[in-house]
Every structure is written in structure tokens, then in C-alpha cells.
């Protein structure tokens, strides 16, 4: 069964809600510069073959609970 999660993602000066396939999530970890934000690394690469990271407007613990639940 495919599961999706909505997460608020920061892009420059705005925040938008992204729908992410949970199967595409690689790692989730706290943002070292801001305790109210997290970093989500996706399992696929950009056109430049660079990893895709999303800065999420949610604390690590809250985000982790969303993936567990």
C-alpha cells in the first residue's frame, strides 16, 4: 500500500505543503541550525545527480512521530 505524508517545506522566503511518498524518504534528521526545522533526504537524485533535500518546517520529533503513526 502506498502511503503519503503532507509536510510543510521551506523554499527561499515561503513555505508550501508538499505531498511526499513515504517510500521515497531516505533519511530524516534535525536541522543543525534550527531546532524547529528538520531535513528530509529523498531516495532519488535531481537532474544534476545531486541528492534531494527538503527543509521541513517541523521539529524532528514531530516529524518522526508523523512517519511512525
PDB file of N, CA and C in Angstrom:
ATOM      1  N   UNK A   1       0.840  -1.179   0.000  1.00  0.00           N
ATOM      2  CA  UNK A   1       0.000   0.000   0.000  1.00  0.00           C
ATOM      3  C   UNK A   1       0.891   1.249   0.000  1.00  0.00           C
ATOM      4  N   UNK A   2       0.598   2.182  -0.861  1.00  0.00           N
ATOM      5  CA  UNK A   2       1.361   3.420  -0.955  1.00  0.00           C
ATOM      6  C   UNK A   2       0.846   4.399   0.091  1.00  0.00           C
ATOM      7  N   UNK A   3       1.780   4.984   0.846  1.00  0.00           N
ATOM      8  CA  UNK A   3       1.420   5.943   1.887  1.00  0.00           C
ATOM      9  C   UNK A   3       2.085   7.280   1.585  1.00  0.00           C
ATOM     10  N   UNK A   4       1.317   8.344   1.717  1.00  0.00           N
ATOM     11  CA  UNK A   4       1.819   9.694   1.502  1.00  0.00           C
ATOM     12  C   UNK A   4       1.711  10.481   2.794  1.00  0.00           C
ATOM     13  N   UNK A   5       2.552  11.508   2.900  1.00  0.00           N
ATOM     14  CA  UNK A   5       2.517  12.395   4.053  1.00  0.00           C
ATOM     15  C   UNK A   5       2.616  13.835   3.540  1.00  0.00           C
ATOM     16  N   UNK A   6       1.852  14.730   4.146  1.00  0.00           N
ATOM     17  CA  UNK A   6       1.942  16.156   3.817  1.00  0.00           C
ATOM     18  C   UNK A   6       2.894  16.812   4.804  1.00  0.00           C
ATOM     19  N   UNK A   7       3.897  17.511   4.263  1.00  0.00           N
ATOM     20  CA  UNK A   7       4.849  18.199   5.133  1.00  0.00           C
ATOM     21  C   UNK A   7       5.053  19.628   4.639  1.00  0.00           C
ATOM     22  N   UNK A   8       5.172  20.579   5.570  1.00  0.00           N
ATOM     23  CA  UNK A   8       5.430  21.971   5.195  1.00  0.00           C
ATOM     24  C   UNK A   8       6.916  22.158   4.861  1.00  0.00           C
ATOM     25  N   UNK A   9       7.208  22.534   3.617  1.00  0.00           N
ATOM     26  CA  UNK A   9       8.586  22.646   3.141  1.00  0.00           C
ATOM     27  C   UNK A   9       8.937  24.107   2.908  1.00  0.00           C
ATOM     28  N   UNK A  10      10.131  24.518   3.373  1.00  0.00           N
ATOM     29  CA  UNK A  10      10.630  25.877   3.169  1.00  0.00           C
ATOM     30  C   UNK A  10      11.343  25.962   1.831  1.00  0.00           C
ATOM     31  N   UNK A  11      10.983  26.972   1.069  1.00  0.00           N
ATOM     32  CA  UNK A  11      11.684  27.274  -0.180  1.00  0.00           C
ATOM     33  C   UNK A  11      11.908  28.774  -0.228  1.00  0.00           C
ATOM     34  N   UNK A  12      13.151  29.176  -0.044  1.00  0.00           N
ATOM     35  CA  UNK A  12      13.545  30.581  -0.010  1.00  0.00           C
ATOM     36  C   UNK A  12      12.718  31.328   1.028  1.00  0.00           C
ATOM     37  N   UNK A  13      11.818  32.225   0.627  1.00  0.00           N
ATOM     38  CA  UNK A  13      11.072  33.043   1.581  1.00  0.00           C
ATOM     39  C   UNK A  13       9.654  32.563   1.830  1.00  0.00           C
ATOM     40  N   UNK A  14       9.298  31.388   1.337  1.00  0.00           N
ATOM     41  CA  UNK A  14       7.931  30.918   1.509  1.00  0.00           C
ATOM     42  C   UNK A  14       7.904  29.466   1.978  1.00  0.00           C
ATOM     43  N   UNK A  15       6.771  29.080   2.537  1.00  0.00           N
ATOM     44  CA  UNK A  15       6.547  27.705   2.964  1.00  0.00           C
ATOM     45  C   UNK A  15       5.355  27.170   2.203  1.00  0.00           C
ATOM     46  N   UNK A  16       5.509  25.957   1.672  1.00  0.00           N
ATOM     47  CA  UNK A  16       4.383  25.333   0.989  1.00  0.00           C
ATOM     48  C   UNK A  16       4.280  23.881   1.436  1.00  0.00           C
ATOM     49  N   UNK A  17       3.082  23.340   1.358  1.00  0.00           N
ATOM     50  CA  UNK A  17       2.846  21.966   1.768  1.00  0.00           C
ATOM     51  C   UNK A  17       3.117  21.047   0.584  1.00  0.00           C
ATOM     52  N   UNK A  18       3.974  20.047   0.804  1.00  0.00           N
ATOM     53  CA  UNK A  18       4.328  19.072  -0.225  1.00  0.00           C
ATOM     54  C   UNK A  18       3.749  17.720   0.162  1.00  0.00           C
ATOM     55  N   UNK A  19       3.264  16.995  -0.822  1.00  0.00           N
ATOM     56  CA  UNK A  19       2.787  15.635  -0.632  1.00  0.00           C
ATOM     57  C   UNK A  19       3.922  14.702  -1.026  1.00  0.00           C
ATOM     58  N   UNK A  20       4.428  13.925  -0.078  1.00  0.00           N
ATOM     59  CA  UNK A  20       5.607  13.092  -0.284  1.00  0.00           C
ATOM     60  C   UNK A  20       5.237  11.624  -0.115  1.00  0.00           C
ATOM     61  N   UNK A  21       5.686  10.795  -1.055  1.00  0.00           N
ATOM     62  CA  UNK A  21       5.522   9.352  -0.938  1.00  0.00           C
ATOM     63  C   UNK A  21       6.516   8.869   0.117  1.00  0.00           C
ATOM     64  N   UNK A  22       6.028   8.215   1.151  1.00  0.00           N
ATOM     65  CA  UNK A  22       6.874   7.774   2.257  1.00  0.00           C
ATOM     66  C   UNK A  22       7.970   6.822   1.758  1.00  0.00           C
ATOM     67  N   UNK A  23       7.693   6.059   0.720  1.00  0.00           N
ATOM     68  CA  UNK A  23       8.687   5.132   0.172  1.00  0.00           C
ATOM     69  C   UNK A  23       9.885   5.875  -0.424  1.00  0.00           C
ATOM     70  N   UNK A  24       9.730   7.152  -0.765  1.00  0.00           N
ATOM     71  CA  UNK A  24      10.815   7.942  -1.343  1.00  0.00           C
ATOM     72  C   UNK A  24      11.687   8.630  -0.298  1.00  0.00           C
ATOM     73  N   UNK A  25      11.347   8.490   0.971  1.00  0.00           N
ATOM     74  CA  UNK A  25      12.101   9.151   2.032  1.00  0.00           C
ATOM     75  C   UNK A  25      13.288   8.277   2.423  1.00  0.00           C
ATOM     76  N   UNK A  26      14.478   8.873   2.359  1.00  0.00           N
ATOM     77  CA  UNK A  26      15.688   8.160   2.751  1.00  0.00           C
ATOM     78  C   UNK A  26      15.991   8.367   4.219  1.00  0.00           C
ATOM     79  N   UNK A  27      16.454   9.560   4.557  1.00  0.00           N
ATOM     80  CA  UNK A  27      16.803   9.869   5.950  1.00  0.00           C
ATOM     81  C   UNK A  27      16.039  11.099   6.403  1.00  0.00           C
ATOM     82  N   UNK A  28      15.785  11.145   7.704  1.00  0.00           N
ATOM     83  CA  UNK A  28      15.173  12.308   8.345  1.00  0.00           C
ATOM     84  C   UNK A  28      16.056  12.646   9.530  1.00  0.00           C
ATOM     85  N   UNK A  29      16.454  13.905   9.642  1.00  0.00           N
ATOM     86  CA  UNK A  29      17.284  14.292  10.769  1.00  0.00           C
ATOM     87  C   UNK A  29      17.031  15.743  11.142  1.00  0.00           C
ATOM     88  N   UNK A  30      17.378  16.126  12.380  1.00  0.00           N
ATOM     89  CA  UNK A  30      17.148  17.505  12.824  1.00  0.00           C
ATOM     90  C   UNK A  30      18.046  18.474  12.060  1.00  0.00           C
ATOM     91  N   UNK A  31      17.533  19.664  11.846  1.00  0.00           N
ATOM     92  CA  UNK A  31      18.328  20.714  11.217  1.00  0.00           C
ATOM     93  C   UNK A  31      19.324  21.216  12.265  1.00  0.00           C
ATOM     94  N   UNK A  32      20.617  21.145  11.984  1.00  0.00           N
ATOM     95  CA  UNK A  32      21.598  21.566  12.991  1.00  0.00           C
ATOM     96  C   UNK A  32      21.581  23.065  13.271  1.00  0.00           C
ATOM     97  N   UNK A  33      20.967  23.861  12.399  1.00  0.00           N
ATOM     98  CA  UNK A  33      20.948  25.310  12.574  1.00  0.00           C
ATOM     99  C   UNK A  33      19.666  25.837  13.205  1.00  0.00           C
ATOM    100  N   UNK A  34      18.617  24.993  13.257  1.00  0.00           N
ATOM    101  CA  UNK A  34      17.337  25.463  13.769  1.00  0.00           C
ATOM    102  C   UNK A  34      16.581  24.266  14.347  1.00  0.00           C
ATOM    103  N   UNK A  35      16.329  24.268  15.643  1.00  0.00           N
ATOM    104  CA  UNK A  35      15.673  23.124  16.295  1.00  0.00           C
ATOM    105  C   UNK A  35      14.203  22.983  15.936  1.00  0.00           C
ATOM    106  N   UNK A  36      13.608  23.999  15.329  1.00  0.00           N
ATOM    107  CA  UNK A  36      12.197  23.917  14.928  1.00  0.00           C
ATOM    108  C   UNK A  36      12.038  23.398  13.506  1.00  0.00           C
ATOM    109  N   UNK A  37      13.134  23.029  12.863  1.00  0.00           N
ATOM    110  CA  UNK A  37      13.085  22.529  11.495  1.00  0.00           C
ATOM    111  C   UNK A  37      13.797  21.189  11.397  1.00  0.00           C
ATOM    112  N   UNK A  38      13.488  20.453  10.336  1.00  0.00           N
ATOM    113  CA  UNK A  38      14.107  19.157  10.079  1.00  0.00           C
ATOM    114  C   UNK A  38      14.555  19.102   8.629  1.00  0.00           C
ATOM    115  N   UNK A  39      15.385  18.113   8.332  1.00  0.00           N
ATOM    116  CA  UNK A  39      15.833  17.876   6.970  1.00  0.00           C
ATOM    117  C   UNK A  39      15.344  16.492   6.554  1.00  0.00           C
ATOM    118  N   UNK A  40      14.753  16.399   5.363  1.00  0.00           N
ATOM    119  CA  UNK A  40      14.325  15.125   4.800  1.00  0.00           C
ATOM    120  C   UNK A  40      15.127  14.901   3.526  1.00  0.00           C
ATOM    121  N   UNK A  41      15.831  13.774   3.471  1.00  0.00           N
ATOM    122  CA  UNK A  41      16.576  13.402   2.274  1.00  0.00           C
ATOM    123  C   UNK A  41      15.748  12.375   1.505  1.00  0.00           C
ATOM    124  N   UNK A  42      15.535  12.626   0.227  1.00  0.00           N
ATOM    125  CA  UNK A  42      14.756  11.710  -0.595  1.00  0.00           C
ATOM    126  C   UNK A  42      15.666  10.683  -1.257  1.00  0.00           C
ATOM    127  N   UNK A  43      15.096   9.538  -1.626  1.00  0.00           N
ATOM    128  CA  UNK A  43      15.854   8.426  -2.204  1.00  0.00           C
ATOM    129  C   UNK A  43      16.198   8.604  -3.672  1.00  0.00           C
ATOM    130  N   UNK A  44      15.864   9.713  -4.258  1.00  0.00           N
ATOM    131  CA  UNK A  44      16.186   9.902  -5.669  1.00  0.00           C
ATOM    132  C   UNK A  44      17.033  11.151  -5.830  1.00  0.00           C
ATOM    133  N   UNK A  45      17.603  11.336  -6.994  1.00  0.00           N
ATOM    134  CA  UNK A  45      18.515  12.438  -7.258  1.00  0.00           C
ATOM    135  C   UNK A  45      17.893  13.430  -8.232  1.00  0.00           C
ATOM    136  N   UNK A  46      18.417  14.646  -8.214  1.00  0.00           N
ATOM    137  CA  UNK A  46      17.967  15.682  -9.137  1.00  0.00           C
ATOM    138  C   UNK A  46      18.571  15.429 -10.516  1.00  0.00           C
ATOM    139  N   UNK A  47      18.236  16.274 -11.449  1.00  0.00           N
ATOM    140  CA  UNK A  47      18.764  16.169 -12.806  1.00  0.00           C
ATOM    141  C   UNK A  47      20.285  16.239 -12.806  1.00  0.00           C
ATOM    142  N   UNK A  48      20.857  16.987 -11.888  1.00  0.00           N
ATOM    143  CA  UNK A  48      22.312  17.136 -11.786  1.00  0.00           C
ATOM    144  C   UNK A  48      22.956  15.974 -11.038  1.00  0.00           C
ATOM    145  N   UNK A  49      22.193  14.931 -10.736  1.00  0.00           N
ATOM    146  CA  UNK A  49      22.648  13.760  -9.996  1.00  0.00           C
ATOM    147  C   UNK A  49      23.053  14.111  -8.567  1.00  0.00           C
ATOM    148  N   UNK A  50      22.451  15.149  -8.027  1.00  0.00           N
ATOM    149  CA  UNK A  50      22.695  15.541  -6.642  1.00  0.00           C
ATOM    150  C   UNK A  50      21.531  15.049  -5.775  1.00  0.00           C
ATOM    151  N   UNK A  51      21.798  14.688  -4.531  1.00  0.00           N
ATOM    152  CA  UNK A  51      20.706  14.258  -3.648  1.00  0.00           C
ATOM    153  C   UNK A  51      19.678  15.379  -3.463  1.00  0.00           C
ATOM    154  N   UNK A  52      18.438  14.995  -3.209  1.00  0.00           N
ATOM    155  CA  UNK A  52      17.365  15.960  -2.998  1.00  0.00           C
ATOM    156  C   UNK A  52      17.084  16.039  -1.505  1.00  0.00           C
ATOM    157  N   UNK A  53      17.204  17.251  -0.962  1.00  0.00           N
ATOM    158  CA  UNK A  53      16.936  17.508   0.443  1.00  0.00           C
ATOM    159  C   UNK A  53      15.801  18.514   0.554  1.00  0.00           C
ATOM    160  N   UNK A  54      14.933  18.303   1.528  1.00  0.00           N
ATOM    161  CA  UNK A  54      13.850  19.239   1.803  1.00  0.00           C
ATOM    162  C   UNK A  54      14.018  19.775   3.215  1.00  0.00           C
ATOM    163  N   UNK A  55      13.904  21.094   3.378  1.00  0.00           N
ATOM    164  CA  UNK A  55      13.913  21.688   4.709  1.00  0.00           C
ATOM    165  C   UNK A  55      12.466  21.788   5.167  1.00  0.00           C
ATOM    166  N   UNK A  56      12.146  21.092   6.229  1.00  0.00           N
ATOM    167  CA  UNK A  56      10.767  20.956   6.689  1.00  0.00           C
ATOM    168  C   UNK A  56      10.530  21.853   7.890  1.00  0.00           C
ATOM    169  N   UNK A  57       9.429  22.586   7.862  1.00  0.00           N
ATOM    170  CA  UNK A  57       9.041  23.493   8.948  1.00  0.00           C
ATOM    171  C   UNK A  57       8.354  22.712  10.067  1.00  0.00           C
ATOM    172  N   UNK A  58       9.096  21.762  10.637  1.00  0.00           N
ATOM    173  CA  UNK A  58       8.554  20.926  11.696  1.00  0.00           C
ATOM    174  C   UNK A  58       9.736  20.397  12.497  1.00  0.00           C
ATOM    175  N   UNK A  59       9.576  20.321  13.812  1.00  0.00           N
ATOM    176  CA  UNK A  59      10.677  19.795  14.621  1.00  0.00           C
ATOM    177  C   UNK A  59      10.900  18.324  14.287  1.00  0.00           C
ATOM    178  N   UNK A  60      12.097  17.855  14.564  1.00  0.00           N
ATOM    179  CA  UNK A  60      12.457  16.471  14.258  1.00  0.00           C
ATOM    180  C   UNK A  60      11.528  15.483  14.955  1.00  0.00           C
ATOM    181  N   UNK A  61      11.256  15.702  16.243  1.00  0.00           N
ATOM    182  CA  UNK A  61      10.406  14.778  16.991  1.00  0.00           C
ATOM    183  C   UNK A  61       8.987  14.721  16.424  1.00  0.00           C
ATOM    184  N   UNK A  62       8.427  15.871  16.083  1.00  0.00           N
ATOM    185  CA  UNK A  62       7.085  15.908  15.499  1.00  0.00           C
ATOM    186  C   UNK A  62       7.056  15.208  14.157  1.00  0.00           C
ATOM    187  N   UNK A  63       8.032  15.467  13.323  1.00  0.00           N
ATOM    188  CA  UNK A  63       8.104  14.829  12.020  1.00  0.00           C
ATOM    189  C   UNK A  63       8.275  13.318  12.156  1.00  0.00           C
ATOM    190  N   UNK A  64       9.116  12.904  13.061  1.00  0.00           N
ATOM    191  CA  UNK A  64       9.344  11.470  13.290  1.00  0.00           C
ATOM    192  C   UNK A  64       8.068  10.773  13.721  1.00  0.00           C
ATOM    193  N   UNK A  65       7.284  11.412  14.589  1.00  0.00           N
ATOM    194  CA  UNK A  65       6.012  10.838  15.023  1.00  0.00           C
ATOM    195  C   UNK A  65       5.025  10.718  13.856  1.00  0.00           C
ATOM    196  N   UNK A  66       5.073  11.645  12.907  1.00  0.00           N
ATOM    197  CA  UNK A  66       4.195  11.551  11.744  1.00  0.00           C
ATOM    198  C   UNK A  66       4.535  10.344  10.884  1.00  0.00           C
ATOM    199  N   UNK A  67       5.814   9.991  10.776  1.00  0.00           N
ATOM    200  CA  UNK A  67       6.213   8.836   9.990  1.00  0.00           C
ATOM    201  C   UNK A  67       5.880   7.532  10.716  1.00  0.00           C
ATOM    202  N   UNK A  68       5.993   7.534  12.023  1.00  0.00           N
ATOM    203  CA  UNK A  68       5.717   6.325  12.802  1.00  0.00           C
ATOM    204  C   UNK A  68       4.221   6.011  12.835  1.00  0.00           C
ATOM    205  N   UNK A  69       3.426   7.074  12.976  1.00  0.00           N
ATOM    206  CA  UNK A  69       1.973   6.890  13.133  1.00  0.00           C
ATOM    207  C   UNK A  69       1.215   6.590  11.909  1.00  0.00           C
TER     208      UNK A  69
END
